[in-house]
Structures are given as structure tokens and as C-alpha cells.
Amino acid sequence: MKKILTLICFVFMSMATFAQNGPRERIKAFKVAYITEKLNLSSSEAQQFWPIYNAHEETIETLRKRERKLMKALREENNGPDGLTDKRAGNFLDEYLKAEEQKSISRKKLVTDLKKVLSNKKILRLIKAEADFHKRMLDRIKERKKRH
């Protein structure tokens, strides 16, 4: 019964997010609902899981923004990579690798922190749920492009 109430609560929160926010927030709400359904967390697990997961997501989003900013600067600078000096291209690569390394460190920290509150099976379910969610989102984008 508690699980059903939790799911209903997330559905209502998702609907509220739909009404008030843009596409990014809607996607986040869908992701929360999807992960909640797939992990089948107890209320105790959920209380410990979500702060850890949300902190990880914030870190990853910050790193993605940094990468997007870097790619934008690359496009704008001297007609992309072909217009750069080798030294400047090396600087871009160094920044890119730093961001990728920080993402990897964040993922390792997420798993390490989650091991303290979830079983290994649930952590693996999370990894699978995230991959499945991303695949579903890409499939939806492809469908929309076909229709238009």
C-alpha cells in the first residue's frame, strides 16, 4: 500500500511539474517517476537515495553545461577545429578530458555512496533504469522527427 501511495505521489508531482515548468523539468519528473518505479525503493531507502542521487545529477549537469560551453566556444573560434592552432586544440582537449574525468569520478562516488544505503542489485537496477530511460527518450525524439 505504501508503494502505491508513493507512486501516486510521484505521479501528482510529475503532473504539477508539467503544468508549471518547461521540457527539462518534465523530463526530470519522468526520470524520477521511472527510476522510482524500477528501483521499488522502500520509504527508508528513498529518503537516503534521493539526496545522494540528486547531488550526483547536479554535478553531472554542471559538467555537461561546461562541456556544452566548451563545444560552443570551439564552434565559434576560427571556424571550428580546423581553424585552431595545435596548441589551442590541445587546450580544448585537456578541458574536455578534465570534464570526462570528473564525470567518471562522480559516477564512482555515486556507486560508493549508494552501497551504504542500497543493495548491489538495486544499484545495478538503477544503472539499467538510467540506460533504459535514455534509450526511451532518444526513441521519442526519433519518433517526433519522423512525424515532422
N, C-alpha and C. Protein backbone atom coordinates (compact mmCIF):
# COMPACT_ATOMS: atom_id res chain seq x y z
N MET A 1 0.82 -1.19 0.00
CA MET A 1 0.00 0.00 0.00
C MET A 1 0.87 1.26 0.00
N LYS A 2 1.97 1.24 0.79
CA LYS A 2 2.86 2.39 0.84
C LYS A 2 3.49 2.66 -0.52
N LYS A 3 3.81 1.59 -1.22
CA LYS A 3 4.44 1.75 -2.53
C LYS A 3 3.48 2.38 -3.52
N ILE A 4 2.22 1.99 -3.45
CA ILE A 4 1.21 2.57 -4.34
C ILE A 4 1.04 4.05 -4.02
N LEU A 5 0.99 4.39 -2.74
CA LEU A 5 0.86 5.80 -2.35
C LEU A 5 2.07 6.61 -2.81
N THR A 6 3.26 6.03 -2.69
CA THR A 6 4.47 6.71 -3.14
C THR A 6 4.41 6.97 -4.63
N LEU A 7 4.00 5.95 -5.40
CA LEU A 7 3.90 6.11 -6.84
C LEU A 7 2.87 7.16 -7.21
N ILE A 8 1.73 7.16 -6.54
CA ILE A 8 0.69 8.15 -6.80
C ILE A 8 1.22 9.55 -6.50
N CYS A 9 1.97 9.67 -5.42
CA CYS A 9 2.56 10.96 -5.05
C CYS A 9 3.48 11.46 -6.16
N PHE A 10 4.33 10.58 -6.69
CA PHE A 10 5.24 10.97 -7.76
C PHE A 10 4.49 11.33 -9.03
N VAL A 11 3.40 10.64 -9.31
CA VAL A 11 2.60 10.97 -10.49
C VAL A 11 2.02 12.37 -10.35
N PHE A 12 1.49 12.69 -9.18
CA PHE A 12 0.93 14.02 -8.97
C PHE A 12 2.02 15.09 -9.03
N MET A 13 3.20 14.79 -8.47
CA MET A 13 4.30 15.74 -8.56
C MET A 13 4.70 15.95 -10.02
N SER A 14 4.70 14.88 -10.79
CA SER A 14 5.03 14.98 -12.21
C SER A 14 4.02 15.84 -12.94
N MET A 15 2.74 15.64 -12.61
CA MET A 15 1.70 16.43 -13.26
C MET A 15 1.84 17.91 -12.90
N ALA A 16 2.16 18.21 -11.65
CA ALA A 16 2.36 19.59 -11.23
C ALA A 16 3.55 20.20 -11.97
N THR A 17 4.58 19.40 -12.15
CA THR A 17 5.75 19.87 -12.88
C THR A 17 5.39 20.16 -14.33
N PHE A 18 4.57 19.31 -14.94
CA PHE A 18 4.11 19.54 -16.30
C PHE A 18 3.44 20.90 -16.43
N ALA A 19 2.60 21.21 -15.50
CA ALA A 19 1.81 22.43 -15.58
C ALA A 19 2.65 23.67 -15.39
N GLN A 20 3.75 23.58 -14.64
CA GLN A 20 4.48 24.77 -14.25
C GLN A 20 5.80 24.97 -14.97
N ASN A 21 6.40 23.94 -15.49
CA ASN A 21 7.77 24.06 -15.97
C ASN A 21 7.92 23.64 -17.43
N GLY A 22 9.13 23.86 -17.93
CA GLY A 22 9.42 23.55 -19.31
C GLY A 22 9.83 22.11 -19.53
N PRO A 23 10.32 21.84 -20.73
CA PRO A 23 10.66 20.47 -21.13
C PRO A 23 11.71 19.79 -20.24
N ARG A 24 12.72 20.52 -19.81
CA ARG A 24 13.76 19.90 -18.97
C ARG A 24 13.18 19.40 -17.66
N GLU A 25 12.33 20.20 -17.06
CA GLU A 25 11.72 19.80 -15.79
C GLU A 25 10.78 18.62 -15.99
N ARG A 26 10.08 18.61 -17.11
CA ARG A 26 9.19 17.47 -17.39
C ARG A 26 9.99 16.19 -17.56
N ILE A 27 11.10 16.29 -18.25
CA ILE A 27 11.95 15.11 -18.44
C ILE A 27 12.48 14.63 -17.09
N LYS A 28 12.90 15.57 -16.25
CA LYS A 28 13.39 15.20 -14.92
C LYS A 28 12.30 14.50 -14.12
N ALA A 29 11.07 15.02 -14.21
CA ALA A 29 9.96 14.41 -13.47
C ALA A 29 9.69 13.00 -13.98
N PHE A 30 9.72 12.81 -15.31
CA PHE A 30 9.56 11.47 -15.87
C PHE A 30 10.66 10.54 -15.39
N LYS A 31 11.88 11.07 -15.35
CA LYS A 31 13.02 10.25 -14.93
C LYS A 31 12.86 9.82 -13.47
N VAL A 32 12.45 10.74 -12.61
CA VAL A 32 12.23 10.42 -11.20
C VAL A 32 11.17 9.33 -11.07
N ALA A 33 10.06 9.50 -11.78
CA ALA A 33 8.99 8.50 -11.72
C ALA A 33 9.47 7.15 -12.25
N TYR A 34 10.22 7.18 -13.35
CA TYR A 34 10.72 5.94 -13.96
C TYR A 34 11.67 5.21 -13.01
N ILE A 35 12.61 5.96 -12.43
CA ILE A 35 13.58 5.35 -11.51
C ILE A 35 12.87 4.83 -10.27
N THR A 36 11.94 5.59 -9.77
CA THR A 36 11.18 5.17 -8.59
C THR A 36 10.47 3.85 -8.85
N GLU A 37 9.86 3.75 -10.01
CA GLU A 37 9.13 2.52 -10.36
C GLU A 37 10.10 1.35 -10.51
N LYS A 38 11.21 1.57 -11.19
CA LYS A 38 12.13 0.47 -11.48
C LYS A 38 12.90 -0.01 -10.24
N LEU A 39 13.21 0.90 -9.31
CA LEU A 39 14.00 0.50 -8.15
C LEU A 39 13.14 -0.07 -7.02
N ASN A 40 11.87 0.30 -7.01
CA ASN A 40 10.98 -0.21 -5.98
C ASN A 40 11.58 0.03 -4.58
N LEU A 41 11.90 1.28 -4.30
CA LEU A 41 12.55 1.64 -3.03
C LEU A 41 11.55 1.66 -1.88
N SER A 42 12.00 1.23 -0.72
CA SER A 42 11.19 1.41 0.49
C SER A 42 11.25 2.89 0.84
N SER A 43 10.39 3.34 1.72
CA SER A 43 10.41 4.76 2.08
C SER A 43 11.73 5.13 2.75
N SER A 44 12.27 4.24 3.55
CA SER A 44 13.56 4.48 4.19
C SER A 44 14.68 4.59 3.15
N GLU A 45 14.68 3.68 2.20
CA GLU A 45 15.69 3.72 1.13
C GLU A 45 15.54 4.99 0.31
N ALA A 46 14.31 5.36 -0.01
CA ALA A 46 14.07 6.56 -0.83
C ALA A 46 14.60 7.81 -0.13
N GLN A 47 14.39 7.91 1.17
CA GLN A 47 14.86 9.07 1.93
C GLN A 47 16.38 9.20 1.87
N GLN A 48 17.07 8.09 1.81
CA GLN A 48 18.53 8.12 1.74
C GLN A 48 19.02 8.20 0.29
N PHE A 49 18.30 7.58 -0.61
CA PHE A 49 18.71 7.50 -2.01
C PHE A 49 18.64 8.86 -2.71
N TRP A 50 17.50 9.54 -2.63
CA TRP A 50 17.29 10.73 -3.45
C TRP A 50 18.27 11.86 -3.19
N PRO A 51 18.65 12.17 -1.96
CA PRO A 51 19.66 13.22 -1.79
C PRO A 51 21.01 12.88 -2.44
N ILE A 52 21.41 11.62 -2.34
CA ILE A 52 22.67 11.18 -2.96
C ILE A 52 22.55 11.28 -4.48
N TYR A 53 21.46 10.76 -5.02
CA TYR A 53 21.27 10.75 -6.47
C TYR A 53 21.14 12.18 -7.01
N ASN A 54 20.39 13.03 -6.33
CA ASN A 54 20.20 14.41 -6.79
C ASN A 54 21.51 15.19 -6.77
N ALA A 55 22.35 14.97 -5.77
CA ALA A 55 23.66 15.62 -5.73
C ALA A 55 24.51 15.19 -6.93
N HIS A 56 24.46 13.90 -7.22
CA HIS A 56 25.19 13.38 -8.39
C HIS A 56 24.67 14.01 -9.68
N GLU A 57 23.35 14.08 -9.82
CA GLU A 57 22.75 14.66 -11.03
C GLU A 57 23.14 16.13 -11.18
N GLU A 58 23.19 16.87 -10.09
CA GLU A 58 23.61 18.28 -10.15
C GLU A 58 25.04 18.40 -10.63
N THR A 59 25.91 17.54 -10.11
CA THR A 59 27.32 17.55 -10.54
C THR A 59 27.42 17.24 -12.02
N ILE A 60 26.71 16.22 -12.46
CA ILE A 60 26.76 15.83 -13.88
C ILE A 60 26.20 16.94 -14.76
N GLU A 61 25.13 17.58 -14.34
CA GLU A 61 24.54 18.67 -15.13
C GLU A 61 25.52 19.84 -15.24
N THR A 62 26.20 20.16 -14.16
CA THR A 62 27.21 21.23 -14.19
C THR A 62 28.32 20.89 -15.18
N LEU A 63 28.76 19.64 -15.17
CA LEU A 63 29.82 19.22 -16.09
C LEU A 63 29.33 19.23 -17.54
N ARG A 64 28.08 18.83 -17.76
CA ARG A 64 27.52 18.88 -19.12
C ARG A 64 27.44 20.31 -19.63
N LYS A 65 27.03 21.22 -18.76
CA LYS A 65 26.97 22.64 -19.15
C LYS A 65 28.35 23.13 -19.53
N ARG A 66 29.34 22.73 -18.75
CA ARG A 66 30.72 23.12 -19.05
C ARG A 66 31.16 22.57 -20.41
N GLU A 67 30.80 21.31 -20.69
CA GLU A 67 31.15 20.72 -21.99
C GLU A 67 30.43 21.43 -23.13
N ARG A 68 29.14 21.77 -22.93
CA ARG A 68 28.40 22.49 -23.98
C ARG A 68 29.02 23.85 -24.24
N LYS A 69 29.41 24.53 -23.17
CA LYS A 69 30.05 25.83 -23.31
C LYS A 69 31.37 25.69 -24.06
N LEU A 70 32.11 24.65 -23.75
CA LEU A 70 33.38 24.39 -24.42
C LEU A 70 33.16 24.11 -25.91
N MET A 71 32.14 23.30 -26.22
CA MET A 71 31.86 22.99 -27.62
C MET A 71 31.38 24.23 -28.39
N LYS A 72 30.61 25.07 -27.72
CA LYS A 72 30.16 26.31 -28.35
C LYS A 72 31.36 27.20 -28.65
N ALA A 73 32.27 27.33 -27.70
CA ALA A 73 33.48 28.12 -27.91
C ALA A 73 34.31 27.55 -29.05
N LEU A 74 34.36 26.23 -29.13
CA LEU A 74 35.12 25.58 -30.20
C LEU A 74 34.51 25.90 -31.57
N ARG A 75 33.16 25.83 -31.65
CA ARG A 75 32.49 26.14 -32.93
C ARG A 75 32.74 27.59 -33.34
N GLU A 76 32.73 28.48 -32.37
CA GLU A 76 32.85 29.91 -32.67
C GLU A 76 34.28 30.34 -32.97
N GLU A 77 35.23 29.60 -32.49
CA GLU A 77 36.62 30.01 -32.63
C GLU A 77 37.20 29.57 -33.97
N ASN A 78 37.48 30.53 -34.81
CA ASN A 78 38.18 30.27 -36.08
C ASN A 78 37.60 29.12 -36.88
N ASN A 79 36.31 29.08 -37.05
CA ASN A 79 35.64 28.06 -37.87
C ASN A 79 35.84 26.64 -37.36
N GLY A 80 35.78 26.46 -36.07
CA GLY A 80 35.86 25.11 -35.51
C GLY A 80 37.27 24.60 -35.39
N PRO A 81 37.40 23.27 -35.25
CA PRO A 81 38.73 22.68 -35.00
C PRO A 81 39.74 22.93 -36.11
N ASP A 82 39.28 23.05 -37.35
CA ASP A 82 40.22 23.21 -38.46
C ASP A 82 40.93 24.56 -38.42
N GLY A 83 40.32 25.56 -37.79
CA GLY A 83 40.92 26.89 -37.72
C GLY A 83 41.81 27.11 -36.51
N LEU A 84 41.96 26.10 -35.67
CA LEU A 84 42.75 26.24 -34.44
C LEU A 84 44.21 25.89 -34.66
N THR A 85 45.04 26.48 -33.82
CA THR A 85 46.43 26.02 -33.77
C THR A 85 46.43 24.70 -33.02
N ASP A 86 47.46 23.94 -33.19
CA ASP A 86 47.53 22.65 -32.50
C ASP A 86 47.57 22.85 -30.99
N LYS A 87 48.23 23.91 -30.53
CA LYS A 87 48.30 24.18 -29.10
C LYS A 87 46.90 24.50 -28.56
N ARG A 88 46.16 25.34 -29.26
CA ARG A 88 44.80 25.70 -28.82
C ARG A 88 43.89 24.47 -28.84
N ALA A 89 44.03 23.61 -29.84
CA ALA A 89 43.25 22.37 -29.90
C ALA A 89 43.60 21.49 -28.71
N GLY A 90 44.86 21.46 -28.33
CA GLY A 90 45.30 20.70 -27.16
C GLY A 90 44.66 21.22 -25.89
N ASN A 91 44.52 22.54 -25.78
CA ASN A 91 43.85 23.14 -24.62
C ASN A 91 42.39 22.70 -24.55
N PHE A 92 41.70 22.69 -25.69
CA PHE A 92 40.31 22.23 -25.72
C PHE A 92 40.22 20.76 -25.30
N LEU A 93 41.13 19.95 -25.81
CA LEU A 93 41.13 18.53 -25.45
C LEU A 93 41.38 18.33 -23.96
N ASP A 94 42.31 19.10 -23.40
CA ASP A 94 42.58 18.99 -21.97
C ASP A 94 41.33 19.31 -21.14
N GLU A 95 40.63 20.37 -21.51
CA GLU A 95 39.40 20.75 -20.80
C GLU A 95 38.33 19.67 -20.94
N TYR A 96 38.22 19.11 -22.13
CA TYR A 96 37.25 18.04 -22.38
C TYR A 96 37.57 16.82 -21.51
N LEU A 97 38.83 16.44 -21.48
CA LEU A 97 39.24 15.27 -20.69
C LEU A 97 39.03 15.50 -19.19
N LYS A 98 39.26 16.73 -18.73
CA LYS A 98 39.00 17.04 -17.32
C LYS A 98 37.53 16.83 -16.97
N ALA A 99 36.66 17.31 -17.83
CA ALA A 99 35.22 17.16 -17.59
C ALA A 99 34.83 15.68 -17.60
N GLU A 100 35.35 14.91 -18.54
CA GLU A 100 35.05 13.48 -18.61
C GLU A 100 35.57 12.75 -17.37
N GLU A 101 36.76 13.13 -16.93
CA GLU A 101 37.31 12.50 -15.72
C GLU A 101 36.46 12.84 -14.50
N GLN A 102 36.01 14.07 -14.40
CA GLN A 102 35.16 14.46 -13.27
C GLN A 102 33.82 13.74 -13.31
N LYS A 103 33.28 13.50 -14.50
CA LYS A 103 32.04 12.72 -14.60
C LYS A 103 32.28 11.29 -14.11
N SER A 104 33.40 10.72 -14.48
CA SER A 104 33.73 9.36 -14.04
C SER A 104 33.90 9.30 -12.53
N ILE A 105 34.56 10.29 -11.97
CA ILE A 105 34.73 10.35 -10.51
C ILE A 105 33.38 10.47 -9.83
N SER A 106 32.49 11.27 -10.39
CA SER A 106 31.16 11.45 -9.82
C SER A 106 30.37 10.14 -9.86
N ARG A 107 30.48 9.40 -10.97
CA ARG A 107 29.77 8.11 -11.07
C ARG A 107 30.30 7.12 -10.03
N LYS A 108 31.63 7.09 -9.86
CA LYS A 108 32.22 6.20 -8.85
C LYS A 108 31.76 6.58 -7.45
N LYS A 109 31.71 7.88 -7.17
CA LYS A 109 31.25 8.35 -5.87
C LYS A 109 29.79 7.98 -5.66
N LEU A 110 28.98 8.10 -6.70
CA LEU A 110 27.57 7.73 -6.60
C LEU A 110 27.43 6.28 -6.18
N VAL A 111 28.12 5.39 -6.86
CA VAL A 111 28.03 3.96 -6.54
C VAL A 111 28.55 3.69 -5.13
N THR A 112 29.67 4.28 -4.77
CA THR A 112 30.23 4.10 -3.43
C THR A 112 29.25 4.57 -2.35
N ASP A 113 28.66 5.74 -2.56
CA ASP A 113 27.71 6.28 -1.59
C ASP A 113 26.43 5.44 -1.53
N LEU A 114 25.98 4.97 -2.69
CA LEU A 114 24.75 4.18 -2.72
C LEU A 114 24.94 2.81 -2.08
N LYS A 115 26.15 2.28 -2.12
CA LYS A 115 26.41 0.98 -1.49
C LYS A 115 26.13 1.01 0.01
N LYS A 116 26.17 2.20 0.58
CA LYS A 116 25.90 2.34 2.01
C LYS A 116 24.41 2.28 2.32
N VAL A 117 23.56 2.49 1.29
CA VAL A 117 22.11 2.56 1.55
C VAL A 117 21.27 1.59 0.72
N LEU A 118 21.83 1.05 -0.34
CA LEU A 118 21.08 0.14 -1.21
C LEU A 118 21.86 -1.15 -1.43
N SER A 119 21.13 -2.18 -1.80
CA SER A 119 21.80 -3.43 -2.16
C SER A 119 22.49 -3.27 -3.52
N ASN A 120 23.44 -4.13 -3.78
CA ASN A 120 24.13 -4.10 -5.07
C ASN A 120 23.16 -4.31 -6.23
N LYS A 121 22.17 -5.17 -6.02
CA LYS A 121 21.17 -5.43 -7.07
C LYS A 121 20.40 -4.16 -7.42
N LYS A 122 20.03 -3.40 -6.41
CA LYS A 122 19.28 -2.16 -6.67
C LYS A 122 20.15 -1.12 -7.37
N ILE A 123 21.43 -1.10 -7.05
CA ILE A 123 22.34 -0.18 -7.74
C ILE A 123 22.45 -0.57 -9.21
N LEU A 124 22.55 -1.86 -9.47
CA LEU A 124 22.58 -2.32 -10.87
C LEU A 124 21.26 -2.01 -11.57
N ARG A 125 20.14 -2.14 -10.86
CA ARG A 125 18.84 -1.77 -11.43
C ARG A 125 18.81 -0.28 -11.79
N LEU A 126 19.41 0.54 -10.94
CA LEU A 126 19.50 1.97 -11.22
C LEU A 126 20.27 2.22 -12.51
N ILE A 127 21.41 1.59 -12.64
CA ILE A 127 22.24 1.77 -13.85
C ILE A 127 21.45 1.35 -15.08
N LYS A 128 20.76 0.22 -14.99
CA LYS A 128 19.95 -0.25 -16.12
C LYS A 128 18.78 0.70 -16.37
N ALA A 129 18.13 1.16 -15.30
CA ALA A 129 16.99 2.06 -15.45
C ALA A 129 17.41 3.37 -16.13
N GLU A 130 18.57 3.90 -15.75
CA GLU A 130 19.06 5.12 -16.39
C GLU A 130 19.32 4.90 -17.88
N ALA A 131 19.95 3.78 -18.21
CA ALA A 131 20.23 3.47 -19.62
C ALA A 131 18.92 3.29 -20.40
N ASP A 132 17.98 2.57 -19.81
CA ASP A 132 16.68 2.36 -20.47
C ASP A 132 15.94 3.68 -20.65
N PHE A 133 16.00 4.55 -19.64
CA PHE A 133 15.33 5.84 -19.73
C PHE A 133 15.92 6.67 -20.87
N HIS A 134 17.24 6.72 -20.95
CA HIS A 134 17.89 7.48 -22.02
C HIS A 134 17.53 6.91 -23.39
N LYS A 135 17.47 5.59 -23.50
CA LYS A 135 17.08 4.97 -24.77
C LYS A 135 15.65 5.35 -25.13
N ARG A 136 14.76 5.31 -24.16
CA ARG A 136 13.36 5.69 -24.41
C ARG A 136 13.25 7.13 -24.87
N MET A 137 14.03 8.01 -24.25
CA MET A 137 13.99 9.42 -24.63
C MET A 137 14.51 9.61 -26.06
N LEU A 138 15.58 8.93 -26.40
CA LEU A 138 16.11 9.02 -27.77
C LEU A 138 15.11 8.47 -28.78
N ASP A 139 14.44 7.37 -28.43
CA ASP A 139 13.42 6.81 -29.31
C ASP A 139 12.28 7.80 -29.54
N ARG A 140 11.87 8.50 -28.48
CA ARG A 140 10.80 9.50 -28.61
C ARG A 140 11.24 10.65 -29.51
N ILE A 141 12.48 11.07 -29.37
CA ILE A 141 13.00 12.15 -30.21
C ILE A 141 13.00 11.71 -31.67
N LYS A 142 13.41 10.48 -31.93
CA LYS A 142 13.42 9.97 -33.31
C LYS A 142 12.00 9.89 -33.87
N GLU A 143 11.05 9.47 -33.05
CA GLU A 143 9.66 9.41 -33.49
C GLU A 143 9.15 10.78 -33.87
N ARG A 144 9.43 11.76 -33.05
CA ARG A 144 8.97 13.13 -33.32
C ARG A 144 9.58 13.67 -34.60
N LYS A 145 10.84 13.36 -34.84
CA LYS A 145 11.49 13.83 -36.06
C LYS A 145 10.86 13.20 -37.29
N LYS A 146 10.46 11.95 -37.19
CA LYS A 146 9.81 11.27 -38.31
C LYS A 146 8.47 11.92 -38.63
N ARG A 147 7.72 12.32 -37.57
CA ARG A 147 6.41 12.92 -37.78
C ARG A 147 6.49 14.31 -38.39
N HIS A 148 7.59 15.00 -38.16
CA HIS A 148 7.70 16.37 -38.66
C HIS A 148 8.56 16.41 -39.85
